[in-house]
Amino acid sequence: MTVITKQPGKTQDTKSAGKVLAVLDVLLRNFAHGFSPTELVKETGFGASDITRYVGTLVTAGFAERIQETGRIRPSHQLARAAVQIMRSLEAAEQQVAESRKRLFGGTSEADVNRAFDRMTRK
């Protein structure tokens, strides 16, 4: 059930989602060692019970995990894999753009393509 707040266009769900994402933002700073709940409280300014709830949401959604040996919390390996997929997608797009630029502007070297592009886009 969505609860409407006093701010137009904002719901309680939206505010909670923002807080969960703020916790994830902190977790992303230290994938290798993660954070203790106490450290998350200090970093975010949220209460301990809120951190427990927000971390639980992240774990349930697959965005965070507990490190078994230490009990600390870090971004999940699932999230890390998604980041790698994004990087691969960006690299593929970059290659497609480079190939298109070569086709459009001729030249075989990157420098030739860049010079041709610069000449065509100057006003």
C-alpha atoms as a PDB file:
ATOM      1  CA  MET A   1       0.000   0.000   0.000  1.00  0.00           C
ATOM      2  CA  THR A   2       1.375   3.406  -0.984  1.00  0.00           C
ATOM      3  CA  VAL A   3       1.086   6.162   1.603  1.00  0.00           C
ATOM      4  CA  ILE A   4       0.880   9.695   0.257  1.00  0.00           C
ATOM      5  CA  THR A   5       3.057  12.218   2.078  1.00  0.00           C
ATOM      6  CA  LYS A   6       2.688  15.978   2.358  1.00  0.00           C
ATOM      7  CA  GLN A   7       5.149  16.560  -0.496  1.00  0.00           C
ATOM      8  CA  PRO A   8       3.380  16.619  -3.859  1.00  0.00           C
ATOM      9  CA  GLY A   9       4.555  13.823  -6.133  1.00  0.00           C
ATOM     10  CA  LYS A  10       6.395  11.983  -3.342  1.00  0.00           C
ATOM     11  CA  THR A  11       5.212   8.811  -1.676  1.00  0.00           C
ATOM     12  CA  GLN A  12       6.549   7.080   1.397  1.00  0.00           C
ATOM     13  CA  ASP A  13       7.713   4.270  -0.906  1.00  0.00           C
ATOM     14  CA  THR A  14       9.750   6.766  -2.939  1.00  0.00           C
ATOM     15  CA  LYS A  15      11.420   8.141   0.175  1.00  0.00           C
ATOM     16  CA  SER A  16      12.243   4.649   1.445  1.00  0.00           C
ATOM     17  CA  ALA A  17      13.650   3.665  -1.941  1.00  0.00           C
ATOM     18  CA  GLY A  18      15.906   6.708  -1.840  1.00  0.00           C
ATOM     19  CA  LYS A  19      17.202   5.686   1.580  1.00  0.00           C
ATOM     20  CA  VAL A  20      17.832   2.118   0.447  1.00  0.00           C
ATOM     21  CA  LEU A  21      19.767   3.463  -2.536  1.00  0.00           C
ATOM     22  CA  ALA A  22      21.761   5.759  -0.234  1.00  0.00           C
ATOM     23  CA  VAL A  23      22.867   2.677   1.713  1.00  0.00           C
ATOM     24  CA  LEU A  24      23.792   0.941  -1.541  1.00  0.00           C
ATOM     25  CA  ASP A  25      25.788   4.006  -2.564  1.00  0.00           C
ATOM     26  CA  VAL A  26      27.842   3.700   0.633  1.00  0.00           C
ATOM     27  CA  LEU A  27      28.310  -0.040   0.135  1.00  0.00           C
ATOM     28  CA  LEU A  28      29.673   0.545  -3.361  1.00  0.00           C
ATOM     29  CA  ARG A  29      32.626   2.418  -1.846  1.00  0.00           C
ATOM     30  CA  ASN A  30      34.159  -0.744  -0.403  1.00  0.00           C
ATOM     31  CA  PHE A  31      33.344  -3.943  -2.276  1.00  0.00           C
ATOM     32  CA  ALA A  32      36.272  -5.957  -0.919  1.00  0.00           C
ATOM     33  CA  HIS A  33      35.747  -5.434   2.812  1.00  0.00           C
ATOM     34  CA  GLY A  34      32.208  -4.101   3.056  1.00  0.00           C
ATOM     35  CA  PHE A  35      30.833  -2.212   6.046  1.00  0.00           C
ATOM     36  CA  SER A  36      29.582  -3.192   9.458  1.00  0.00           C
ATOM     37  CA  PRO A  37      26.058  -2.089  10.381  1.00  0.00           C
ATOM     38  CA  THR A  38      27.601   0.413  12.833  1.00  0.00           C
ATOM     39  CA  GLU A  39      29.734   1.889  10.055  1.00  0.00           C
ATOM     40  CA  LEU A  40      26.662   2.169   7.819  1.00  0.00           C
ATOM     41  CA  VAL A  41      24.851   4.056  10.586  1.00  0.00           C
ATOM     42  CA  LYS A  42      27.779   6.488  10.838  1.00  0.00           C
ATOM     43  CA  GLU A  43      28.114   6.892   7.057  1.00  0.00           C
ATOM     44  CA  THR A  44      24.414   7.444   6.358  1.00  0.00           C
ATOM     45  CA  GLY A  45      23.092   9.023   9.528  1.00  0.00           C
ATOM     46  CA  PHE A  46      20.209   6.527   9.548  1.00  0.00           C
ATOM     47  CA  GLY A  47      19.190   4.658  12.689  1.00  0.00           C
ATOM     48  CA  ALA A  48      20.379   1.116  13.366  1.00  0.00           C
ATOM     49  CA  SER A  49      16.901  -0.369  12.877  1.00  0.00           C
ATOM     50  CA  ASP A  50      16.578   1.504   9.573  1.00  0.00           C
ATOM     51  CA  ILE A  51      19.946   0.152   8.424  1.00  0.00           C
ATOM     52  CA  THR A  52      18.818  -3.380   9.306  1.00  0.00           C
ATOM     53  CA  ARG A  53      15.661  -2.907   7.248  1.00  0.00           C
ATOM     54  CA  TYR A  54      17.409  -1.246   4.270  1.00  0.00           C
ATOM     55  CA  VAL A  55      20.177  -3.859   4.178  1.00  0.00           C
ATOM     56  CA  GLY A  56      17.515  -6.579   4.338  1.00  0.00           C
ATOM     57  CA  THR A  57      15.814  -5.023   1.325  1.00  0.00           C
ATOM     58  CA  LEU A  58      19.110  -4.929  -0.591  1.00  0.00           C
ATOM     59  CA  VAL A  59      19.951  -8.531   0.318  1.00  0.00           C
ATOM     60  CA  THR A  60      16.482  -9.773  -0.639  1.00  0.00           C
ATOM     61  CA  ALA A  61      16.716  -7.953  -3.986  1.00  0.00           C
ATOM     62  CA  GLY A  62      20.168  -9.425  -4.635  1.00  0.00           C
ATOM     63  CA  PHE A  63      22.073  -6.131  -4.482  1.00  0.00           C
ATOM     64  CA  ALA A  64      23.972  -6.793  -1.244  1.00  0.00           C
ATOM     65  CA  GLU A  65      25.335  -9.756   0.681  1.00  0.00           C
ATOM     66  CA  ARG A  66      26.902 -10.534   4.023  1.00  0.00           C
ATOM     67  CA  ILE A  67      30.523 -11.627   4.063  1.00  0.00           C
ATOM     68  CA  GLN A  68      30.341 -14.966   5.879  1.00  0.00           C
ATOM     69  CA  GLU A  69      33.718 -14.684   7.576  1.00  0.00           C
ATOM     70  CA  THR A  70      33.183 -11.202   9.008  1.00  0.00           C
ATOM     71  CA  GLY A  71      29.440 -10.528   8.984  1.00  0.00           C
ATOM     72  CA  ARG A  72      30.107  -7.273   7.150  1.00  0.00           C
ATOM     73  CA  ILE A  73      27.844  -6.171   4.320  1.00  0.00           C
ATOM     74  CA  ARG A  74      28.990  -5.468   0.768  1.00  0.00           C
ATOM     75  CA  PRO A  75      27.514  -5.128  -2.707  1.00  0.00           C
ATOM     76  CA  SER A  76      26.674  -8.570  -4.070  1.00  0.00           C
ATOM     77  CA  HIS A  77      28.625 -10.449  -6.686  1.00  0.00           C
ATOM     78  CA  GLN A  78      25.415 -10.345  -8.733  1.00  0.00           C
ATOM     79  CA  LEU A  79      25.646  -6.548  -8.734  1.00  0.00           C
ATOM     80  CA  ALA A  80      29.334  -6.709  -9.662  1.00  0.00           C
ATOM     81  CA  ARG A  81      28.489  -8.975 -12.612  1.00  0.00           C
ATOM     82  CA  ALA A  82      25.875  -6.465 -13.748  1.00  0.00           C
ATOM     83  CA  ALA A  83      28.496  -3.705 -13.615  1.00  0.00           C
ATOM     84  CA  VAL A  84      30.813  -5.805 -15.801  1.00  0.00           C
ATOM     85  CA  GLN A  85      27.965  -6.361 -18.270  1.00  0.00           C
ATOM     86  CA  ILE A  86      27.384  -2.610 -18.432  1.00  0.00           C
ATOM     87  CA  MET A  87      31.073  -2.005 -19.146  1.00  0.00           C
ATOM     88  CA  ARG A  88      31.051  -4.630 -21.914  1.00  0.00           C
ATOM     89  CA  SER A  89      27.952  -3.064 -23.414  1.00  0.00           C
ATOM     90  CA  LEU A  90      29.596   0.362 -23.381  1.00  0.00           C
ATOM     91  CA  GLU A  91      32.739  -1.038 -25.009  1.00  0.00           C
ATOM     92  CA  ALA A  92      30.658  -2.666 -27.751  1.00  0.00           C
ATOM     93  CA  ALA A  93      28.788   0.589 -28.325  1.00  0.00           C
ATOM     94  CA  GLU A  94      32.083   2.456 -28.484  1.00  0.00           C
ATOM     95  CA  GLN A  95      33.327   0.044 -31.164  1.00  0.00           C
ATOM     96  CA  GLN A  96      30.110   0.475 -33.142  1.00  0.00           C
ATOM     97  CA  VAL A  97      30.433   4.255 -33.004  1.00  0.00           C
ATOM     98  CA  ALA A  98      34.072   4.071 -34.118  1.00  0.00           C
ATOM     99  CA  GLU A  99      33.122   1.847 -37.059  1.00  0.00           C
ATOM    100  CA  SER A 100      30.279   4.170 -38.036  1.00  0.00           C
ATOM    101  CA  ARG A 101      32.592   7.171 -37.889  1.00  0.00           C
ATOM    102  CA  LYS A 102      35.056   5.387 -40.178  1.00  0.00           C
ATOM    103  CA  ARG A 103      32.281   4.602 -42.646  1.00  0.00           C
ATOM    104  CA  LEU A 104      30.924   8.144 -42.551  1.00  0.00           C
ATOM    105  CA  PHE A 105      34.155  10.086 -42.644  1.00  0.00           C
ATOM    106  CA  GLY A 106      36.561   7.729 -44.423  1.00  0.00           C
ATOM    107  CA  GLY A 107      40.129   7.234 -43.304  1.00  0.00           C
ATOM    108  CA  THR A 108      41.543   4.224 -41.633  1.00  0.00           C
ATOM    109  CA  SER A 109      43.259   5.648 -38.591  1.00  0.00           C
ATOM    110  CA  GLU A 110      41.536   7.085 -35.562  1.00  0.00           C
ATOM    111  CA  ALA A 111      43.371  10.372 -36.155  1.00  0.00           C
ATOM    112  CA  ASP A 112      42.062  10.548 -39.769  1.00  0.00           C
ATOM    113  CA  VAL A 113      38.517   9.902 -38.599  1.00  0.00           C
ATOM    114  CA  ASN A 114      38.789  12.496 -35.828  1.00  0.00           C
ATOM    115  CA  ARG A 115      40.155  15.129 -38.245  1.00  0.00           C
ATOM    116  CA  ALA A 116      37.352  14.461 -40.724  1.00  0.00           C
ATOM    117  CA  PHE A 117      34.768  14.596 -37.955  1.00  0.00           C
ATOM    118  CA  ASP A 118      36.187  17.890 -36.678  1.00  0.00           C
ATOM    119  CA  ARG A 119      36.099  19.404 -40.184  1.00  0.00           C
ATOM    120  CA  MET A 120      32.484  18.377 -40.699  1.00  0.00           C
ATOM    121  CA  THR A 121      31.210  19.552 -37.340  1.00  0.00           C
ATOM    122  CA  ARG A 122      32.846  22.987 -37.251  1.00  0.00           C
ATOM    123  CA  LYS A 123      30.479  25.867 -37.832  1.00  0.00           C
END
